[in-house]
Amino acid sequence: MDARTREIQSRKNPRLSINIIPGHFATSHSHVNYYIDMTSMKCYHLMAKEAAAELATNFTSTPIDTIVCLDGCEIVGAFLARAVCNTSLAGINRNENIAVITPEINPSNQMLFRDNVQKMIWNKRVLLLVASVTTGKTINRALECIQYYGGKTAGICAIFSAVDKVRDTPITSLFDTQDLPDYKIYHSSDCPLCQAGAKMDAIINSYGYSKL
């Protein structure tokens, strides 16, 4: 499977890249025809810093108190907090101490924030950072969680997104379907790859893949 890997550079910043593998993959919500590997961007500090700087240019006039990170994006989130403070217009976030936190996932697959970090959500302006958006279901759960704990959504940003917005909130991403125009998302019961008898290559999520 790895032999099929190819690299795609960001149209917005050629120093940023992701790897893609074509095939037949299952996520928790759907089937897709590409696995998008963002490991380098999430794990290597130089690329994470570059990604954060690029994302921050979209929030120069947005007040932000807290960044909520999903999908292992905490390194990018920390650099994003710093970049937002350094690039804000009119000093909106300058010298602010932006919190960077991650929700806990309980056995029922619900997101929650423990008592010690709830103060970083309550009545705060929250920027949601995720690795990838396919159907938007995980984003919806995260927004519901933020709202439940009294937070106000300041924006949504992602490394890759197949949708433009969730709940009327635009998604700012480094990569989208213009970078991968033949990217397809199918409901598992209507997947043409399954109907054609194509073997499932792997089960995937934003953390990686497990070959089948």
N, C-alpha and C. Protein backbone atom coordinates (compact mmCIF):
# COMPACT_ATOMS: atom_id res chain seq x y z
N MET A 1 0.82 -1.20 0.00
CA MET A 1 0.00 0.00 0.00
C MET A 1 0.86 1.26 0.00
N ASP A 2 1.94 1.26 0.80
CA ASP A 2 2.79 2.43 0.91
C ASP A 2 3.48 2.79 -0.41
N ALA A 3 3.61 1.81 -1.31
CA ALA A 3 4.26 2.07 -2.60
C ALA A 3 3.45 3.03 -3.46
N ARG A 4 2.17 3.18 -3.14
CA ARG A 4 1.30 4.07 -3.90
C ARG A 4 1.35 5.52 -3.41
N THR A 5 2.12 5.77 -2.37
CA THR A 5 2.15 7.10 -1.74
C THR A 5 2.69 8.16 -2.70
N ARG A 6 2.04 9.30 -2.71
CA ARG A 6 2.58 10.46 -3.43
C ARG A 6 2.36 11.72 -2.60
N GLU A 7 3.19 12.70 -2.88
CA GLU A 7 3.19 13.94 -2.10
C GLU A 7 2.42 15.04 -2.81
N ILE A 8 1.68 15.83 -2.03
CA ILE A 8 0.97 16.99 -2.57
C ILE A 8 1.41 18.23 -1.80
N GLN A 9 1.82 19.25 -2.52
CA GLN A 9 2.19 20.51 -1.89
C GLN A 9 0.97 21.42 -1.79
N SER A 10 0.94 22.22 -0.75
CA SER A 10 -0.15 23.17 -0.56
C SER A 10 -0.10 24.27 -1.61
N ARG A 11 -1.26 24.61 -2.14
CA ARG A 11 -1.33 25.73 -3.09
C ARG A 11 -1.08 27.05 -2.38
N LYS A 12 -1.30 27.08 -1.07
CA LYS A 12 -1.16 28.31 -0.30
C LYS A 12 0.26 28.53 0.20
N ASN A 13 0.98 27.41 0.39
CA ASN A 13 2.34 27.51 0.90
C ASN A 13 3.11 26.28 0.43
N PRO A 14 4.01 26.43 -0.54
CA PRO A 14 4.73 25.27 -1.10
C PRO A 14 5.64 24.57 -0.12
N ARG A 15 5.88 25.19 1.05
CA ARG A 15 6.70 24.53 2.06
C ARG A 15 5.91 23.51 2.87
N LEU A 16 4.60 23.47 2.64
CA LEU A 16 3.74 22.53 3.35
C LEU A 16 3.31 21.41 2.40
N SER A 17 3.33 20.19 2.88
CA SER A 17 2.93 19.06 2.04
C SER A 17 2.29 17.97 2.87
N ILE A 18 1.48 17.16 2.21
CA ILE A 18 0.90 15.96 2.82
C ILE A 18 1.12 14.80 1.87
N ASN A 19 1.04 13.60 2.39
CA ASN A 19 1.13 12.41 1.55
C ASN A 19 -0.25 11.79 1.40
N ILE A 20 -0.53 11.27 0.23
CA ILE A 20 -1.81 10.62 -0.01
C ILE A 20 -1.58 9.22 -0.58
N ILE A 21 -2.48 8.32 -0.24
CA ILE A 21 -2.43 6.95 -0.75
C ILE A 21 -3.81 6.61 -1.32
N PRO A 22 -3.92 6.32 -2.60
CA PRO A 22 -5.22 5.93 -3.17
C PRO A 22 -5.59 4.52 -2.75
N GLY A 23 -6.88 4.24 -2.66
CA GLY A 23 -7.31 2.90 -2.30
C GLY A 23 -8.75 2.91 -1.80
N HIS A 24 -9.03 1.98 -0.92
CA HIS A 24 -10.38 1.79 -0.37
C HIS A 24 -10.24 1.76 1.16
N PHE A 25 -10.74 2.82 1.82
CA PHE A 25 -10.50 2.99 3.24
C PHE A 25 -11.81 3.26 3.99
N ALA A 26 -11.84 2.81 5.24
CA ALA A 26 -13.02 3.02 6.08
C ALA A 26 -12.67 3.95 7.24
N THR A 27 -13.48 4.99 7.42
CA THR A 27 -13.39 5.85 8.59
C THR A 27 -14.53 5.47 9.54
N SER A 28 -14.65 6.18 10.63
CA SER A 28 -15.73 5.88 11.58
C SER A 28 -17.10 6.28 11.04
N HIS A 29 -17.12 7.14 10.01
CA HIS A 29 -18.39 7.63 9.48
C HIS A 29 -18.65 7.26 8.03
N SER A 30 -17.61 6.87 7.29
CA SER A 30 -17.78 6.73 5.85
C SER A 30 -16.66 5.88 5.25
N HIS A 31 -16.76 5.69 3.92
CA HIS A 31 -15.66 5.11 3.16
C HIS A 31 -15.10 6.19 2.25
N VAL A 32 -13.79 6.17 2.05
CA VAL A 32 -13.13 7.16 1.20
C VAL A 32 -12.14 6.46 0.28
N ASN A 33 -11.76 7.16 -0.79
CA ASN A 33 -10.85 6.55 -1.77
C ASN A 33 -9.41 7.03 -1.63
N TYR A 34 -9.12 7.79 -0.57
CA TYR A 34 -7.75 8.20 -0.30
C TYR A 34 -7.49 8.21 1.21
N TYR A 35 -6.31 7.77 1.59
CA TYR A 35 -5.83 8.01 2.95
C TYR A 35 -4.91 9.22 2.88
N ILE A 36 -5.17 10.21 3.71
CA ILE A 36 -4.37 11.44 3.73
C ILE A 36 -3.49 11.42 4.97
N ASP A 37 -2.20 11.36 4.76
CA ASP A 37 -1.23 11.24 5.84
C ASP A 37 -0.68 12.62 6.22
N MET A 38 -1.00 13.07 7.43
CA MET A 38 -0.57 14.38 7.92
C MET A 38 0.43 14.25 9.07
N THR A 39 1.04 13.07 9.18
CA THR A 39 1.92 12.78 10.31
C THR A 39 3.05 13.79 10.45
N SER A 40 3.72 14.10 9.36
CA SER A 40 4.87 15.02 9.42
C SER A 40 4.44 16.39 9.91
N MET A 41 3.29 16.85 9.45
CA MET A 41 2.84 18.19 9.84
C MET A 41 2.45 18.25 11.31
N LYS A 42 1.97 17.14 11.84
CA LYS A 42 1.54 17.11 13.23
C LYS A 42 2.68 16.80 14.20
N CYS A 43 3.75 16.17 13.71
CA CYS A 43 4.79 15.67 14.61
C CYS A 43 6.12 16.40 14.53
N TYR A 44 6.50 16.91 13.36
CA TYR A 44 7.77 17.62 13.22
C TYR A 44 7.56 19.11 13.48
N HIS A 45 8.32 19.65 14.39
CA HIS A 45 8.01 21.00 14.85
C HIS A 45 8.18 22.07 13.78
N LEU A 46 9.11 21.89 12.85
CA LEU A 46 9.30 22.92 11.82
C LEU A 46 8.10 23.01 10.89
N MET A 47 7.57 21.85 10.46
CA MET A 47 6.41 21.90 9.59
C MET A 47 5.15 22.31 10.36
N ALA A 48 5.05 21.89 11.63
CA ALA A 48 3.92 22.30 12.45
C ALA A 48 3.92 23.82 12.63
N LYS A 49 5.10 24.38 12.83
CA LYS A 49 5.23 25.84 12.98
C LYS A 49 4.83 26.55 11.69
N GLU A 50 5.25 26.01 10.56
CA GLU A 50 4.91 26.60 9.26
C GLU A 50 3.41 26.53 9.01
N ALA A 51 2.81 25.37 9.34
CA ALA A 51 1.37 25.21 9.16
C ALA A 51 0.60 26.20 10.03
N ALA A 52 1.04 26.35 11.27
CA ALA A 52 0.38 27.27 12.19
C ALA A 52 0.47 28.71 11.70
N ALA A 53 1.64 29.09 11.20
CA ALA A 53 1.81 30.46 10.69
C ALA A 53 0.87 30.73 9.52
N GLU A 54 0.70 29.73 8.65
CA GLU A 54 -0.20 29.88 7.50
C GLU A 54 -1.65 30.00 7.95
N LEU A 55 -2.07 29.16 8.89
CA LEU A 55 -3.44 29.22 9.39
C LEU A 55 -3.71 30.54 10.11
N ALA A 56 -2.72 31.04 10.83
CA ALA A 56 -2.90 32.26 11.63
C ALA A 56 -3.22 33.47 10.78
N THR A 57 -2.79 33.47 9.52
CA THR A 57 -3.06 34.63 8.66
C THR A 57 -4.56 34.84 8.44
N ASN A 58 -5.36 33.82 8.69
CA ASN A 58 -6.81 33.93 8.51
C ASN A 58 -7.53 34.45 9.76
N PHE A 59 -6.78 34.63 10.85
CA PHE A 59 -7.42 35.04 12.11
C PHE A 59 -6.74 36.25 12.73
N THR A 60 -6.21 37.12 11.87
CA THR A 60 -5.49 38.30 12.37
C THR A 60 -6.42 39.31 13.05
N SER A 61 -7.71 39.26 12.72
CA SER A 61 -8.66 40.20 13.34
C SER A 61 -9.71 39.47 14.16
N THR A 62 -9.39 38.26 14.59
CA THR A 62 -10.33 37.44 15.37
C THR A 62 -9.85 37.30 16.80
N PRO A 63 -10.59 37.82 17.77
CA PRO A 63 -10.19 37.61 19.18
C PRO A 63 -10.30 36.13 19.54
N ILE A 64 -9.27 35.57 20.15
CA ILE A 64 -9.24 34.15 20.51
C ILE A 64 -8.71 34.01 21.92
N ASP A 65 -9.43 33.25 22.74
CA ASP A 65 -8.99 32.98 24.11
C ASP A 65 -8.43 31.56 24.26
N THR A 66 -9.01 30.63 23.50
CA THR A 66 -8.66 29.22 23.66
C THR A 66 -8.65 28.52 22.30
N ILE A 67 -7.70 27.61 22.11
CA ILE A 67 -7.68 26.74 20.93
C ILE A 67 -7.94 25.32 21.40
N VAL A 68 -8.99 24.72 20.87
CA VAL A 68 -9.32 23.33 21.18
C VAL A 68 -8.79 22.46 20.05
N CYS A 69 -7.93 21.50 20.37
CA CYS A 69 -7.27 20.66 19.37
C CYS A 69 -7.87 19.26 19.35
N LEU A 70 -8.14 18.75 18.17
CA LEU A 70 -8.55 17.37 17.97
C LEU A 70 -7.51 16.66 17.11
N ASP A 71 -7.58 15.35 17.07
CA ASP A 71 -6.80 14.54 16.11
C ASP A 71 -5.28 14.64 16.31
N GLY A 72 -4.83 14.91 17.52
CA GLY A 72 -3.39 14.98 17.74
C GLY A 72 -2.73 16.23 17.22
N CYS A 73 -3.46 17.34 17.16
CA CYS A 73 -2.94 18.59 16.59
C CYS A 73 -2.38 19.54 17.65
N GLU A 74 -2.02 19.04 18.82
CA GLU A 74 -1.59 19.92 19.89
C GLU A 74 -0.32 20.71 19.56
N ILE A 75 0.63 20.10 18.84
CA ILE A 75 1.85 20.83 18.49
C ILE A 75 1.52 22.00 17.56
N VAL A 76 0.71 21.71 16.55
CA VAL A 76 0.27 22.79 15.65
C VAL A 76 -0.50 23.84 16.44
N GLY A 77 -1.34 23.38 17.38
CA GLY A 77 -2.14 24.30 18.17
C GLY A 77 -1.30 25.25 19.01
N ALA A 78 -0.23 24.75 19.59
CA ALA A 78 0.64 25.61 20.40
C ALA A 78 1.33 26.67 19.54
N PHE A 79 1.82 26.25 18.38
CA PHE A 79 2.41 27.23 17.46
C PHE A 79 1.36 28.20 16.93
N LEU A 80 0.13 27.71 16.74
CA LEU A 80 -0.94 28.57 16.25
C LEU A 80 -1.26 29.66 17.27
N ALA A 81 -1.28 29.30 18.55
CA ALA A 81 -1.53 30.29 19.59
C ALA A 81 -0.48 31.40 19.53
N ARG A 82 0.77 31.00 19.40
CA ARG A 82 1.86 31.99 19.33
C ARG A 82 1.74 32.85 18.07
N ALA A 83 1.44 32.20 16.93
CA ALA A 83 1.36 32.93 15.67
C ALA A 83 0.19 33.91 15.67
N VAL A 84 -0.93 33.50 16.24
CA VAL A 84 -2.10 34.38 16.31
C VAL A 84 -1.78 35.63 17.12
N CYS A 85 -1.05 35.45 18.23
CA CYS A 85 -0.68 36.60 19.05
C CYS A 85 0.28 37.54 18.31
N ASN A 86 1.15 36.97 17.49
CA ASN A 86 2.17 37.76 16.80
C ASN A 86 1.65 38.45 15.55
N THR A 87 0.57 37.92 14.94
CA THR A 87 0.10 38.47 13.67
C THR A 87 -1.21 39.24 13.78
N SER A 88 -1.78 39.31 14.95
CA SER A 88 -3.07 39.98 15.10
C SER A 88 -2.99 41.46 14.75
N LEU A 89 -4.02 41.92 14.05
CA LEU A 89 -4.11 43.33 13.69
C LEU A 89 -4.56 44.14 14.90
N ALA A 90 -4.05 45.33 15.00
CA ALA A 90 -4.45 46.27 16.06
C ALA A 90 -4.24 45.67 17.45
N GLY A 91 -3.33 44.71 17.54
CA GLY A 91 -3.03 44.13 18.84
C GLY A 91 -4.15 43.37 19.49
N ILE A 92 -5.07 42.81 18.67
CA ILE A 92 -6.25 42.15 19.23
C ILE A 92 -5.88 41.04 20.19
N ASN A 93 -4.93 40.18 19.81
CA ASN A 93 -4.53 39.08 20.68
C ASN A 93 -3.11 39.24 21.23
N ARG A 94 -2.51 40.37 20.96
CA ARG A 94 -1.11 40.55 21.37
C ARG A 94 -0.98 40.50 22.90
N ASN A 95 0.01 39.74 23.34
CA ASN A 95 0.30 39.56 24.76
C ASN A 95 -0.78 38.79 25.51
N GLU A 96 -1.73 38.22 24.78
CA GLU A 96 -2.74 37.37 25.43
C GLU A 96 -2.13 35.99 25.71
N ASN A 97 -2.62 35.33 26.73
CA ASN A 97 -2.14 34.00 27.10
C ASN A 97 -3.19 32.98 26.64
N ILE A 98 -3.13 32.59 25.37
CA ILE A 98 -4.13 31.71 24.78
C ILE A 98 -3.95 30.29 25.30
N ALA A 99 -5.05 29.68 25.75
CA ALA A 99 -5.02 28.31 26.23
C ALA A 99 -5.10 27.34 25.06
N VAL A 100 -4.40 26.22 25.16
CA VAL A 100 -4.44 25.17 24.14
C VAL A 100 -4.81 23.87 24.87
N ILE A 101 -6.02 23.35 24.57
CA ILE A 101 -6.53 22.19 25.30
C ILE A 101 -7.13 21.17 24.35
N THR A 102 -7.34 19.96 24.87
CA THR A 102 -7.91 18.87 24.09
C THR A 102 -9.04 18.23 24.90
N PRO A 103 -10.20 17.98 24.29
CA PRO A 103 -11.27 17.32 25.04
C PRO A 103 -10.96 15.85 25.29
N GLU A 104 -11.52 15.34 26.35
CA GLU A 104 -11.43 13.91 26.64
C GLU A 104 -12.57 13.19 25.92
N ILE A 105 -12.33 11.98 25.45
CA ILE A 105 -13.37 11.17 24.82
C ILE A 105 -13.73 10.04 25.78
N ASN A 106 -14.99 10.00 26.22
CA ASN A 106 -15.39 8.96 27.18
C ASN A 106 -15.76 7.67 26.45
N PRO A 107 -16.04 6.57 27.17
CA PRO A 107 -16.36 5.29 26.52
C PRO A 107 -17.57 5.33 25.60
N SER A 108 -18.43 6.32 25.78
CA SER A 108 -19.61 6.47 24.91
C SER A 108 -19.31 7.33 23.69
N ASN A 109 -18.02 7.66 23.49
CA ASN A 109 -17.57 8.47 22.37
C ASN A 109 -18.07 9.91 22.46
N GLN A 110 -18.31 10.36 23.67
CA GLN A 110 -18.71 11.74 23.90
C GLN A 110 -17.50 12.56 24.31
N MET A 111 -17.48 13.83 23.89
CA MET A 111 -16.39 14.73 24.27
C MET A 111 -16.74 15.43 25.56
N LEU A 112 -15.74 15.62 26.42
CA LEU A 112 -15.97 16.33 27.67
C LEU A 112 -14.70 17.04 28.11
N PHE A 113 -14.90 18.06 28.94
CA PHE A 113 -13.79 18.78 29.55
C PHE A 113 -13.91 18.64 31.06
N ARG A 114 -12.84 18.24 31.71
CA ARG A 114 -12.84 18.09 33.15
C ARG A 114 -12.91 19.46 33.84
N ASP A 115 -13.25 19.42 35.12
CA ASP A 115 -13.49 20.66 35.87
C ASP A 115 -12.31 21.62 35.82
N ASN A 116 -11.08 21.07 35.82
CA ASN A 116 -9.91 21.94 35.90
C ASN A 116 -9.66 22.75 34.63
N VAL A 117 -10.26 22.36 33.49
CA VAL A 117 -10.05 23.13 32.25
C VAL A 117 -11.34 23.78 31.75
N GLN A 118 -12.46 23.54 32.43
CA GLN A 118 -13.72 24.12 31.97
C GLN A 118 -13.68 25.65 31.95
N LYS A 119 -12.89 26.23 32.86
CA LYS A 119 -12.78 27.70 32.89
C LYS A 119 -12.13 28.25 31.63
N MET A 120 -11.43 27.39 30.89
CA MET A 120 -10.80 27.82 29.64
C MET A 120 -11.78 27.79 28.47
N ILE A 121 -12.98 27.28 28.72
CA ILE A 121 -14.04 27.24 27.71
C ILE A 121 -15.18 28.21 28.05
N TRP A 122 -15.56 28.22 29.32
CA TRP A 122 -16.72 29.01 29.74
C TRP A 122 -16.57 30.49 29.38
N ASN A 123 -17.49 30.97 28.55
CA ASN A 123 -17.55 32.37 28.12
C ASN A 123 -16.28 32.80 27.37
N LYS A 124 -15.56 31.82 26.79
CA LYS A 124 -14.35 32.13 26.04
C LYS A 124 -14.60 32.01 24.54
N ARG A 125 -13.77 32.72 23.78
CA ARG A 125 -13.84 32.66 22.32
C ARG A 125 -12.89 31.54 21.88
N VAL A 126 -13.48 30.49 21.30
CA VAL A 126 -12.76 29.24 21.07
C VAL A 126 -12.54 28.99 19.58
N LEU A 127 -11.29 28.75 19.22
CA LEU A 127 -10.93 28.34 17.86
C LEU A 127 -10.74 26.83 17.87
N LEU A 128 -11.44 26.14 16.98
CA LEU A 128 -11.35 24.69 16.88
C LEU A 128 -10.35 24.30 15.80
N LEU A 129 -9.38 23.46 16.16
CA LEU A 129 -8.35 23.01 15.23
C LEU A 129 -8.43 21.50 15.09
N VAL A 130 -8.56 21.02 13.85
CA VAL A 130 -8.64 19.58 13.59
C VAL A 130 -7.67 19.22 12.47
N ALA A 131 -7.37 17.92 12.37
CA ALA A 131 -6.49 17.47 11.30
C ALA A 131 -7.25 17.39 9.99
N SER A 132 -8.40 16.71 9.99
CA SER A 132 -9.14 16.55 8.74
C SER A 132 -10.64 16.57 8.99
N VAL A 133 -11.35 17.01 7.98
CA VAL A 133 -12.82 17.04 8.01
C VAL A 133 -13.31 16.32 6.76
N THR A 134 -14.09 15.26 6.96
CA THR A 134 -14.67 14.56 5.81
C THR A 134 -16.17 14.83 5.75
N THR A 135 -16.93 14.28 6.68
CA THR A 135 -18.38 14.50 6.68
C THR A 135 -18.80 15.68 7.54
N GLY A 136 -17.97 16.07 8.50
CA GLY A 136 -18.31 17.16 9.41
C GLY A 136 -18.96 16.69 10.70
N LYS A 137 -19.17 15.38 10.87
CA LYS A 137 -19.84 14.87 12.07
C LYS A 137 -19.01 15.10 13.32
N THR A 138 -17.71 14.88 13.24
CA THR A 138 -16.86 15.11 14.41
C THR A 138 -16.83 16.58 14.78
N ILE A 139 -16.80 17.45 13.77
CA ILE A 139 -16.84 18.89 14.02
C ILE A 139 -18.12 19.25 14.74
N ASN A 140 -19.23 18.69 14.30
CA ASN A 140 -20.51 18.97 14.95
C ASN A 140 -20.48 18.58 16.42
N ARG A 141 -19.92 17.41 16.72
CA ARG A 141 -19.82 16.97 18.11
C ARG A 141 -18.96 17.92 18.93
N ALA A 142 -17.87 18.38 18.33
CA ALA A 142 -16.97 19.29 19.03
C ALA A 142 -17.65 20.63 19.29
N LEU A 143 -18.38 21.14 18.31
CA LEU A 143 -19.07 22.41 18.49
C LEU A 143 -20.16 22.30 19.55
N GLU A 144 -20.85 21.16 19.58
CA GLU A 144 -21.86 20.93 20.61
C GLU A 144 -21.22 20.91 21.99
N CYS A 145 -20.04 20.27 22.08
CA CYS A 145 -19.32 20.20 23.34
C CYS A 145 -18.89 21.59 23.81
N ILE A 146 -18.33 22.38 22.92
CA ILE A 146 -17.91 23.74 23.25
C ILE A 146 -19.09 24.57 23.72
N GLN A 147 -20.20 24.44 23.01
CA GLN A 147 -21.41 25.18 23.38
C GLN A 147 -21.93 24.74 24.75
N TYR A 148 -21.90 23.44 24.99
CA TYR A 148 -22.40 22.89 26.27
C TYR A 148 -21.63 23.48 27.45
N TYR A 149 -20.31 23.67 27.27
CA TYR A 149 -19.49 24.20 28.36
C TYR A 149 -19.41 25.73 28.33
N GLY A 150 -20.27 26.35 27.54
CA GLY A 150 -20.39 27.80 27.57
C GLY A 150 -19.42 28.56 26.70
N GLY A 151 -18.77 27.88 25.75
CA GLY A 151 -17.83 28.55 24.88
C GLY A 151 -18.50 29.17 23.66
N LYS A 152 -17.80 30.10 23.03
CA LYS A 152 -18.28 30.76 21.83
C LYS A 152 -17.32 30.44 20.69
N THR A 153 -17.82 29.89 19.61
CA THR A 153 -16.96 29.48 18.49
C THR A 153 -16.39 30.70 17.77
N ALA A 154 -15.06 30.81 17.75
CA ALA A 154 -14.40 31.91 17.06
C ALA A 154 -14.01 31.53 15.64
N GLY A 155 -13.98 30.22 15.34
CA GLY A 155 -13.61 29.77 14.00
C GLY A 155 -13.26 28.30 14.01
N ILE A 156 -13.11 27.74 12.82
CA ILE A 156 -12.72 26.35 12.64
C ILE A 156 -11.58 26.31 11.64
N CYS A 157 -10.51 25.59 11.95
CA CYS A 157 -9.43 25.43 10.98
C CYS A 157 -8.97 23.98 10.96
N ALA A 158 -8.44 23.58 9.81
CA ALA A 158 -8.07 22.18 9.59
C ALA A 158 -6.87 22.10 8.67
N ILE A 159 -6.17 20.99 8.74
CA ILE A 159 -5.11 20.74 7.77
C ILE A 159 -5.73 20.39 6.42
N PHE A 160 -6.70 19.45 6.44
CA PHE A 160 -7.44 19.10 5.22
C PHE A 160 -8.93 19.12 5.51
N SER A 161 -9.71 19.65 4.59
CA SER A 161 -11.16 19.62 4.74
C SER A 161 -11.83 19.36 3.39
N ALA A 162 -12.79 18.44 3.43
CA ALA A 162 -13.57 18.14 2.22
C ALA A 162 -14.86 18.94 2.18
N VAL A 163 -15.14 19.72 3.22
CA VAL A 163 -16.34 20.56 3.26
C VAL A 163 -15.94 22.00 3.53
N ASP A 164 -16.78 22.93 3.09
CA ASP A 164 -16.47 24.35 3.21
C ASP A 164 -16.85 24.94 4.56
N LYS A 165 -17.91 24.40 5.17
CA LYS A 165 -18.38 24.97 6.43
C LYS A 165 -19.19 23.93 7.20
N VAL A 166 -19.32 24.16 8.49
CA VAL A 166 -20.16 23.35 9.37
C VAL A 166 -20.96 24.31 10.23
N ARG A 167 -22.28 24.12 10.25
CA ARG A 167 -23.16 25.01 11.02
C ARG A 167 -22.96 26.47 10.64
N ASP A 168 -22.81 26.72 9.37
CA ASP A 168 -22.63 28.07 8.83
C ASP A 168 -21.31 28.72 9.25
N THR A 169 -20.42 27.96 9.87
CA THR A 169 -19.09 28.49 10.21
C THR A 169 -18.10 28.02 9.16
N PRO A 170 -17.46 28.92 8.44
CA PRO A 170 -16.49 28.52 7.40
C PRO A 170 -15.32 27.76 8.00
N ILE A 171 -14.78 26.81 7.24
CA ILE A 171 -13.62 26.05 7.67
C ILE A 171 -12.40 26.54 6.89
N THR A 172 -11.41 27.02 7.60
CA THR A 172 -10.15 27.44 7.00
C THR A 172 -9.22 26.23 6.98
N SER A 173 -8.74 25.86 5.80
CA SER A 173 -7.88 24.67 5.71
C SER A 173 -6.66 24.94 4.85
N LEU A 174 -5.61 24.15 5.08
CA LEU A 174 -4.40 24.25 4.28
C LEU A 174 -4.53 23.49 2.97
N PHE A 175 -5.34 22.42 3.00
CA PHE A 175 -5.60 21.60 1.82
C PHE A 175 -7.10 21.35 1.74
N ASP A 176 -7.61 21.24 0.50
CA ASP A 176 -9.02 20.94 0.31
C ASP A 176 -9.18 20.10 -0.95
N THR A 177 -10.41 19.96 -1.40
CA THR A 177 -10.66 19.10 -2.56
C THR A 177 -10.15 19.70 -3.87
N GLN A 178 -9.76 20.95 -3.87
CA GLN A 178 -9.10 21.49 -5.06
C GLN A 178 -7.70 20.90 -5.19
N ASP A 179 -7.09 20.56 -4.08
CA ASP A 179 -5.78 19.90 -4.11
C ASP A 179 -5.91 18.42 -4.45
N LEU A 180 -7.09 17.87 -4.18
CA LEU A 180 -7.35 16.45 -4.41
C LEU A 180 -8.74 16.31 -5.03
N PRO A 181 -8.89 16.72 -6.31
CA PRO A 181 -10.22 16.82 -6.93
C PRO A 181 -10.97 15.50 -7.07
N ASP A 182 -10.27 14.37 -7.08
CA ASP A 182 -10.97 13.09 -7.22
C ASP A 182 -11.20 12.41 -5.87
N TYR A 183 -11.06 13.16 -4.79
CA TYR A 183 -11.34 12.63 -3.46
C TYR A 183 -12.84 12.38 -3.32
N LYS A 184 -13.22 11.17 -2.90
CA LYS A 184 -14.63 10.81 -2.80
C LYS A 184 -14.94 10.29 -1.40
N ILE A 185 -16.14 10.62 -0.94
CA ILE A 185 -16.65 10.15 0.35
C ILE A 185 -17.96 9.42 0.10
N TYR A 186 -18.08 8.21 0.65
CA TYR A 186 -19.28 7.41 0.45
C TYR A 186 -19.83 6.93 1.79
N HIS A 187 -21.15 6.84 1.87
CA HIS A 187 -21.76 6.15 3.00
C HIS A 187 -21.43 4.67 2.84
N SER A 188 -21.17 4.00 3.95
CA SER A 188 -20.72 2.60 3.86
C SER A 188 -21.71 1.71 3.12
N SER A 189 -23.02 2.03 3.22
CA SER A 189 -24.02 1.19 2.57
C SER A 189 -24.16 1.48 1.08
N ASP A 190 -23.57 2.60 0.63
CA ASP A 190 -23.69 3.00 -0.78
C ASP A 190 -22.32 3.09 -1.46
N CYS A 191 -21.31 2.47 -0.87
CA CYS A 191 -19.95 2.61 -1.40
C CYS A 191 -19.79 1.82 -2.70
N PRO A 192 -19.51 2.50 -3.82
CA PRO A 192 -19.32 1.78 -5.09
C PRO A 192 -18.10 0.87 -5.09
N LEU A 193 -17.11 1.19 -4.27
CA LEU A 193 -15.93 0.32 -4.17
C LEU A 193 -16.31 -1.02 -3.55
N CYS A 194 -17.15 -0.96 -2.52
CA CYS A 194 -17.64 -2.20 -1.90
C CYS A 194 -18.50 -2.98 -2.90
N GLN A 195 -19.36 -2.27 -3.60
CA GLN A 195 -20.26 -2.92 -4.55
C GLN A 195 -19.50 -3.56 -5.70
N ALA A 196 -18.33 -2.99 -6.02
CA ALA A 196 -17.49 -3.56 -7.08
C ALA A 196 -16.59 -4.68 -6.57
N GLY A 197 -16.68 -4.97 -5.27
CA GLY A 197 -15.88 -6.04 -4.69
C GLY A 197 -14.44 -5.66 -4.39
N ALA A 198 -14.16 -4.35 -4.32
CA ALA A 198 -12.80 -3.91 -4.04
C ALA A 198 -12.42 -4.20 -2.59
N LYS A 199 -11.26 -4.75 -2.38
CA LYS A 199 -10.78 -5.07 -1.04
C LYS A 199 -10.57 -3.79 -0.24
N MET A 200 -10.91 -3.85 1.05
CA MET A 200 -10.65 -2.74 1.95
C MET A 200 -9.16 -2.72 2.30
N ASP A 201 -8.49 -1.61 2.05
CA ASP A 201 -7.06 -1.53 2.32
C ASP A 201 -6.75 -1.34 3.80
N ALA A 202 -7.51 -0.46 4.47
CA ALA A 202 -7.19 -0.15 5.86
C ALA A 202 -8.35 0.57 6.53
N ILE A 203 -8.35 0.51 7.85
CA ILE A 203 -9.23 1.35 8.67
C ILE A 203 -8.41 2.57 9.05
N ILE A 204 -8.96 3.76 8.85
CA ILE A 204 -8.19 4.98 9.06
C ILE A 204 -8.91 5.95 9.98
N ASN A 205 -8.12 6.80 10.60
CA ASN A 205 -8.62 8.00 11.27
C ASN A 205 -7.51 9.04 11.21
N SER A 206 -7.67 10.13 11.91
CA SER A 206 -6.69 11.21 11.80
C SER A 206 -5.36 10.87 12.46
N TYR A 207 -5.31 9.79 13.22
CA TYR A 207 -4.06 9.38 13.85
C TYR A 207 -3.24 8.46 12.97
N GLY A 208 -3.86 7.79 12.00
CA GLY A 208 -3.12 6.88 11.14
C GLY A 208 -4.00 5.82 10.54
N TYR A 209 -3.40 4.68 10.19
CA TYR A 209 -4.15 3.62 9.56
C TYR A 209 -3.73 2.26 10.10
N SER A 210 -4.65 1.31 10.00
CA SER A 210 -4.39 -0.08 10.35
C SER A 210 -4.76 -0.93 9.15
N LYS A 211 -3.76 -1.56 8.53
CA LYS A 211 -4.00 -2.37 7.35
C LYS A 211 -4.89 -3.56 7.66
N LEU A 212 -5.70 -3.94 6.66
CA LEU A 212 -6.55 -5.11 6.79
C LEU A 212 -5.99 -6.25 5.95
